[in-house]
Protein backbone atom coordinates (compact mmCIF):
# COMPACT_ATOMS: atom_id res chain seq x y z
CA UNK A 1 -25.89 -76.76 6.91
CA UNK A 2 -23.93 -77.23 10.15
CA UNK A 3 -23.68 -80.76 11.54
CA UNK A 4 -25.66 -80.76 14.84
CA UNK A 5 -24.02 -83.98 16.11
CA UNK A 6 -21.33 -82.17 18.20
CA UNK A 7 -24.08 -80.18 19.92
CA UNK A 8 -25.36 -83.26 21.77
CA UNK A 9 -24.18 -85.71 24.42
CA UNK A 10 -25.30 -89.34 24.85
CA UNK A 11 -26.73 -90.22 28.28
CA UNK A 12 -25.35 -93.43 29.78
CA UNK A 13 -25.27 -95.20 33.13
CA UNK A 14 -22.32 -94.65 35.43
CA UNK A 15 -20.38 -97.88 35.99
CA UNK A 16 -17.80 -96.29 38.28
CA UNK A 17 -16.56 -98.55 41.08
CA UNK A 18 -15.32 -97.99 44.60
CA UNK A 19 -12.92 -100.66 45.85
CA UNK A 20 -14.11 -102.88 43.02
CA UNK A 21 -17.80 -102.40 43.81
CA UNK A 22 -20.40 -100.32 41.91
CA UNK A 23 -20.51 -96.75 43.24
CA UNK A 24 -24.09 -95.99 42.23
CA UNK A 25 -27.03 -98.20 43.10
CA UNK A 26 -29.24 -99.80 40.50
CA UNK A 27 -33.02 -99.76 40.88
CA UNK A 28 -36.15 -101.41 39.54
CA UNK A 29 -39.92 -100.71 39.80
CA UNK A 30 -41.09 -101.64 43.28
CA UNK A 31 -44.71 -102.42 42.38
CA UNK A 32 -46.93 -103.33 39.44
CA UNK A 33 -48.42 -99.87 39.24
CA UNK A 34 -45.02 -98.29 38.63
CA UNK A 35 -44.21 -100.90 36.00
CA UNK A 36 -47.50 -100.20 34.24
CA UNK A 37 -47.04 -96.42 34.30
CA UNK A 38 -43.52 -96.68 32.88
CA UNK A 39 -44.88 -98.55 29.88
CA UNK A 40 -47.20 -95.69 28.91
CA UNK A 41 -46.37 -94.12 25.55
CA UNK A 42 -47.48 -90.54 26.27
CA UNK A 43 -46.99 -88.06 29.11
CA UNK A 44 -47.43 -89.45 32.61
CA UNK A 45 -50.34 -87.80 34.40
CA UNK A 46 -49.75 -86.45 37.94
CA UNK A 47 -50.57 -89.11 40.51
CA UNK A 48 -49.12 -90.85 43.54
CA UNK A 49 -45.32 -91.06 43.52
CA UNK A 50 -43.84 -93.91 41.52
CA UNK A 51 -42.03 -96.45 43.69
CA UNK A 52 -38.60 -97.87 42.91
CA UNK A 53 -36.51 -100.33 44.89
CA UNK A 54 -32.77 -100.81 44.90
CA UNK A 55 -31.74 -103.64 42.64
CA UNK A 56 -31.22 -106.73 44.81
CA UNK A 57 -28.41 -108.14 42.66
CA UNK A 58 -26.63 -104.80 42.82
CA UNK A 59 -27.01 -104.75 46.61
CA UNK A 60 -25.50 -108.21 46.97
CA UNK A 61 -22.39 -107.03 45.12
CA UNK A 62 -21.91 -103.87 47.20
CA UNK A 63 -19.63 -103.27 50.13
CA UNK A 64 -20.80 -99.66 50.35
CA UNK A 65 -24.50 -100.52 50.71
CA UNK A 66 -26.90 -98.90 50.01
CA UNK A 67 -24.78 -97.22 47.37
CA UNK A 68 -24.63 -93.60 46.26
CA UNK A 69 -27.49 -91.74 44.63
CA UNK A 70 -26.67 -88.97 42.18
CA UNK A 71 -28.52 -86.10 40.54
CA UNK A 72 -29.12 -88.11 37.36
CA UNK A 73 -29.47 -91.84 37.94
CA UNK A 74 -29.69 -94.31 35.07
CA UNK A 75 -30.61 -97.97 35.54
CA UNK A 76 -31.37 -99.80 32.32
CA UNK A 77 -33.84 -97.55 30.50
CA UNK A 78 -35.09 -95.84 33.69
CA UNK A 79 -33.95 -92.34 34.64
CA UNK A 80 -34.43 -90.83 38.10
CA UNK A 81 -33.31 -87.26 38.80
CA UNK A 82 -32.95 -85.13 41.92
CA UNK A 83 -35.06 -82.07 42.65
CA UNK A 84 -32.14 -79.83 41.62
CA UNK A 85 -31.74 -81.59 38.26
CA UNK A 86 -35.51 -81.51 37.73
CA UNK A 87 -35.61 -77.77 38.32
CA UNK A 88 -32.79 -77.16 35.82
CA UNK A 89 -34.60 -79.17 33.17
CA UNK A 90 -37.97 -77.51 33.76
CA UNK A 91 -36.38 -74.05 33.62
CA UNK A 92 -35.77 -74.68 29.92
CA UNK A 93 -39.39 -75.80 29.43
CA UNK A 94 -38.54 -78.69 27.08
CA UNK A 95 -41.31 -80.49 25.24
CA UNK A 96 -41.84 -84.23 24.82
CA UNK A 97 -41.05 -85.29 28.37
CA UNK A 98 -42.67 -85.55 31.77
CA UNK A 99 -41.26 -85.56 35.29
CA UNK A 100 -43.16 -87.55 37.91
CA UNK A 101 -42.63 -87.71 41.66
CA UNK A 102 -40.84 -90.89 42.68
CA UNK A 103 -39.43 -92.51 45.79
CA UNK A 104 -36.50 -94.87 46.05
CA UNK A 105 -36.62 -97.53 48.75
CA UNK A 106 -33.90 -99.78 50.07
CA UNK A 107 -34.18 -103.54 50.16
CA UNK A 108 -36.15 -103.34 53.42
CA UNK A 109 -38.69 -100.97 51.92
CA UNK A 110 -37.45 -97.92 53.79
CA UNK A 111 -37.74 -94.58 51.99
CA UNK A 112 -34.38 -93.13 50.90
CA UNK A 113 -34.96 -89.69 49.37
CA UNK A 114 -37.31 -87.87 46.98
CA UNK A 115 -36.53 -88.23 43.30
CA UNK A 116 -38.32 -87.68 40.00
CA UNK A 117 -38.85 -90.13 37.16
CA UNK A 118 -37.86 -88.61 33.82
CA UNK A 119 -39.88 -89.95 30.91
CA UNK A 120 -38.84 -88.80 27.43
CA UNK A 121 -41.89 -90.04 25.59
CA UNK A 122 -41.60 -88.22 22.26
CA UNK A 123 -39.31 -89.95 19.79
CA UNK A 124 -37.54 -87.88 17.14
CA UNK A 125 -36.46 -89.34 13.79
CA UNK A 126 -33.43 -87.09 13.53
CA UNK A 127 -30.57 -89.55 13.06
CA UNK A 128 -28.94 -89.83 9.65
CA UNK A 129 -29.67 -93.29 8.19
CA UNK A 130 -26.74 -93.11 5.76
CA UNK A 131 -23.99 -91.61 7.92
CA UNK A 132 -24.72 -93.44 11.18
CA UNK A 133 -23.01 -96.81 11.62
CA UNK A 134 -24.92 -100.00 12.41
CA UNK A 135 -23.91 -102.62 14.93
CA UNK A 136 -26.40 -104.98 13.28
CA UNK A 137 -27.61 -104.47 9.67
CA UNK A 138 -30.88 -102.54 9.59
CA UNK A 139 -33.60 -103.02 7.02
CA UNK A 140 -36.26 -100.30 7.52
CA UNK A 141 -38.72 -102.30 5.41
CA UNK A 142 -38.51 -105.22 7.83
CA UNK A 143 -37.04 -104.02 11.15
CA UNK A 144 -38.81 -101.68 13.57
CA UNK A 145 -35.61 -100.43 15.21
CA UNK A 146 -31.90 -100.10 14.50
CA UNK A 147 -29.01 -101.17 16.71
CA UNK A 148 -26.44 -98.42 16.16
CA UNK A 149 -22.69 -98.43 16.71
CA UNK A 150 -22.31 -94.67 16.18
CA UNK A 151 -24.80 -91.86 15.63
CA UNK A 152 -24.75 -88.93 13.22
CA UNK A 153 -27.66 -86.51 13.33
CA UNK A 154 -29.54 -85.24 10.29
CA UNK A 155 -29.05 -81.46 10.18
CA UNK A 156 -32.29 -80.71 8.34
CA UNK A 157 -34.36 -82.90 10.66
CA UNK A 158 -32.90 -81.29 13.79
CA UNK A 159 -33.47 -77.81 12.35
CA UNK A 160 -37.16 -78.66 11.92
CA UNK A 161 -37.63 -79.40 15.62
CA UNK A 162 -39.41 -76.84 17.74
CA UNK A 163 -36.93 -74.89 19.85
CA UNK A 164 -37.76 -76.36 23.31
CA UNK A 165 -37.42 -79.90 21.94
CA UNK A 166 -33.72 -79.33 21.38
CA UNK A 167 -32.82 -79.78 25.07
CA UNK A 168 -33.41 -83.54 25.35
CA UNK A 169 -33.98 -85.88 22.40
CA UNK A 170 -35.03 -89.51 22.32
CA UNK A 171 -34.23 -91.03 18.97
CA UNK A 172 -36.97 -92.87 17.10
CA UNK A 173 -36.44 -96.37 15.69
CA UNK A 174 -33.37 -96.99 17.84
CA UNK A 175 -32.91 -99.90 20.26
CA UNK A 176 -31.74 -99.75 22.99
CA UNK A 177 -33.22 -96.28 23.59
CA UNK A 178 -30.85 -93.39 22.87
CA UNK A 179 -31.35 -90.26 24.98
CA UNK A 180 -29.40 -87.16 23.92
CA UNK A 181 -28.90 -83.98 25.96
CA UNK A 182 -27.87 -80.57 24.70
CA UNK A 183 -24.08 -80.57 25.27
CA UNK A 184 -23.97 -76.95 26.47
CA UNK A 185 -26.69 -77.72 29.02
CA UNK A 186 -24.69 -80.74 30.22
CA UNK A 187 -21.53 -78.64 30.53
CA UNK A 188 -23.36 -76.09 32.68
CA UNK A 189 -24.77 -78.84 34.90
CA UNK A 190 -21.35 -80.51 35.20
CA UNK A 191 -19.83 -77.30 36.54
CA UNK A 192 -22.46 -77.31 39.28
CA UNK A 193 -22.13 -81.03 40.02
CA UNK A 194 -25.61 -81.81 38.72
CA UNK A 195 -24.50 -84.62 36.40
CA UNK A 196 -23.36 -86.82 39.30
CA UNK A 197 -24.62 -90.37 38.82
CA UNK A 198 -24.63 -90.44 35.01
CA UNK A 199 -22.07 -90.23 32.23
CA UNK A 200 -22.53 -88.01 29.18
CA UNK A 201 -20.44 -88.87 26.12
CA UNK A 202 -19.98 -86.28 23.37
CA UNK A 203 -22.09 -87.75 20.60
CA UNK A 204 -19.30 -87.72 17.96
CA UNK A 205 -17.16 -89.82 20.37
CA UNK A 206 -19.88 -92.24 21.47
CA UNK A 207 -19.97 -95.83 20.25
CA UNK A 208 -21.90 -98.88 21.42
CA UNK A 209 -20.32 -100.31 24.58
CA UNK A 210 -18.16 -97.28 25.35
CA UNK A 211 -19.26 -97.36 29.00
CA UNK A 212 -17.51 -100.73 29.40
CA UNK A 213 -14.14 -99.51 28.07
């Protein structure tokens, strides 16, 4: 059975700098309601837009305030995407995720532009426990999640997924969260500039901390 690992790319934040300063702004929930919604385990029901504010520490470090906003923006475990990126994702009708209207505000509370919060709520146990490498030893009888140094996917487990679920995967029992995108989908988006703001590492080349190299 063919190894599916090369078919995926690992989503990571973009730490690119401009004149020594972060190019892309960080962001955090701007109110308690947004924080509460982001902690929900299932799909996020349609409701008022979620509110996010630019990270104050990030702003203090920037000369190019308020920073650039891309099509796919990653800050910690939060993902905000543009309308164009949202439309590309929805065109493939993937399962296990929800896209919610969101607004990003600057430090003074002024609205910046419309974005969408991407929540990948379904977790897939498709990583190979024997072939993946551990940053910290993992005992499945005791530990609820594994800290991985490299990831190899289980071919049989991936083959059992429903077809739409192949586009974006969130791995189960992995901390920090690992979000994988179909590599061909990423390549198409890259040609159209729709990956601006994030970095996608081919999964066979990814290792923990690669974004800091």
